[in-house]
């Protein structure tokens, strides 16, 4: 896929600037999500939390962790696609 085929991308001298800006944005989001995943993993491995928290809260946190992991994989795939252009 070429940059011109991506929504919002126009061929020209600005293309490299836009690509670098998008890579920076994705990097920032990857860093944010990468910090959140271990925090939730720690929370869900804490026996005290699991014993005291309502089952619905634990289920919600597990779903959130799954979503974050999926989001992280998607972000990493996006950044690799853009870097390869």
Protein backbone atom coordinates (compact mmCIF):
# COMPACT_ATOMS: atom_id res chain seq x y z
CA UNK A 1 0.00 0.00 0.00
CA UNK A 2 1.34 3.40 -0.87
CA UNK A 3 0.96 6.47 1.30
CA UNK A 4 -1.26 8.12 -1.31
CA UNK A 5 -3.71 5.25 -0.83
CA UNK A 6 -4.12 5.93 2.88
CA UNK A 7 -6.90 8.34 3.89
CA UNK A 8 -5.53 11.83 4.43
CA UNK A 9 -2.21 11.15 2.70
CA UNK A 10 -1.25 13.14 -0.37
CA UNK A 11 1.86 12.56 -2.40
CA UNK A 12 4.26 15.45 -2.21
CA UNK A 13 6.96 16.92 -0.01
CA UNK A 14 4.65 16.83 3.02
CA UNK A 15 4.27 13.06 2.81
CA UNK A 16 7.45 12.31 4.79
CA UNK A 17 6.46 14.83 7.46
CA UNK A 18 3.00 13.27 7.77
CA UNK A 19 4.49 9.78 7.92
CA UNK A 20 6.91 10.82 10.68
CA UNK A 21 4.11 12.52 12.60
CA UNK A 22 1.94 9.40 12.38
CA UNK A 23 4.83 7.19 13.53
CA UNK A 24 5.40 9.53 16.48
CA UNK A 25 1.70 9.46 17.37
CA UNK A 26 1.60 5.67 17.21
CA UNK A 27 4.82 5.40 19.25
CA UNK A 28 3.30 7.58 21.96
CA UNK A 29 0.15 5.43 22.07
CA UNK A 30 2.23 2.22 22.13
CA UNK A 31 4.18 3.58 25.11
CA UNK A 32 0.95 4.46 26.95
CA UNK A 33 -0.61 1.05 26.35
CA UNK A 34 2.67 -0.73 27.13
CA UNK A 35 2.69 0.87 30.58
CA UNK A 36 -0.95 0.01 31.25
CA UNK A 37 -0.67 -3.72 30.39
CA UNK A 38 1.81 -4.64 33.18
CA UNK A 39 -0.15 -2.51 35.66
CA UNK A 40 -3.32 -4.48 34.95
CA UNK A 41 -1.44 -7.79 34.92
CA UNK A 42 -0.11 -6.96 38.37
CA UNK A 43 -3.54 -6.01 39.61
CA UNK A 44 -5.06 -9.23 38.30
CA UNK A 45 -2.29 -11.35 39.82
CA UNK A 46 -2.80 -9.75 43.24
CA UNK A 47 -4.58 -12.32 45.42
CA UNK A 48 -5.84 -9.54 47.69
CA UNK A 49 -7.51 -7.74 44.82
CA UNK A 50 -9.03 -10.96 43.48
CA UNK A 51 -10.35 -11.91 46.93
CA UNK A 52 -11.90 -8.53 47.72
CA UNK A 53 -13.09 -7.24 44.35
CA UNK A 54 -16.56 -8.13 43.10
CA UNK A 55 -16.55 -10.70 40.32
CA UNK A 56 -17.93 -8.12 37.86
CA UNK A 57 -14.97 -5.80 38.54
CA UNK A 58 -12.47 -8.61 38.01
CA UNK A 59 -14.20 -9.62 34.78
CA UNK A 60 -14.17 -5.98 33.60
CA UNK A 61 -10.44 -5.65 34.32
CA UNK A 62 -9.71 -8.93 32.51
CA UNK A 63 -11.68 -7.72 29.48
CA UNK A 64 -9.84 -4.40 29.61
CA UNK A 65 -6.49 -6.22 29.68
CA UNK A 66 -7.52 -8.31 26.66
CA UNK A 67 -8.58 -5.15 24.82
CA UNK A 68 -5.29 -3.42 25.63
CA UNK A 69 -3.27 -6.40 24.40
CA UNK A 70 -5.27 -6.49 21.19
CA UNK A 71 -4.92 -2.72 20.77
CA UNK A 72 -1.17 -2.97 21.32
CA UNK A 73 -0.85 -5.63 18.61
CA UNK A 74 -2.87 -3.48 16.20
CA UNK A 75 -0.79 -0.39 16.94
CA UNK A 76 2.44 -2.30 16.40
CA UNK A 77 1.14 -3.65 13.08
CA UNK A 78 0.10 -0.14 11.98
CA UNK A 79 3.46 1.36 12.79
CA UNK A 80 5.27 -1.40 10.92
CA UNK A 81 3.07 -0.87 7.85
CA UNK A 82 3.78 2.86 7.87
CA UNK A 83 7.51 2.39 8.42
CA UNK A 84 7.67 -0.01 5.48
CA UNK A 85 6.18 2.54 3.06
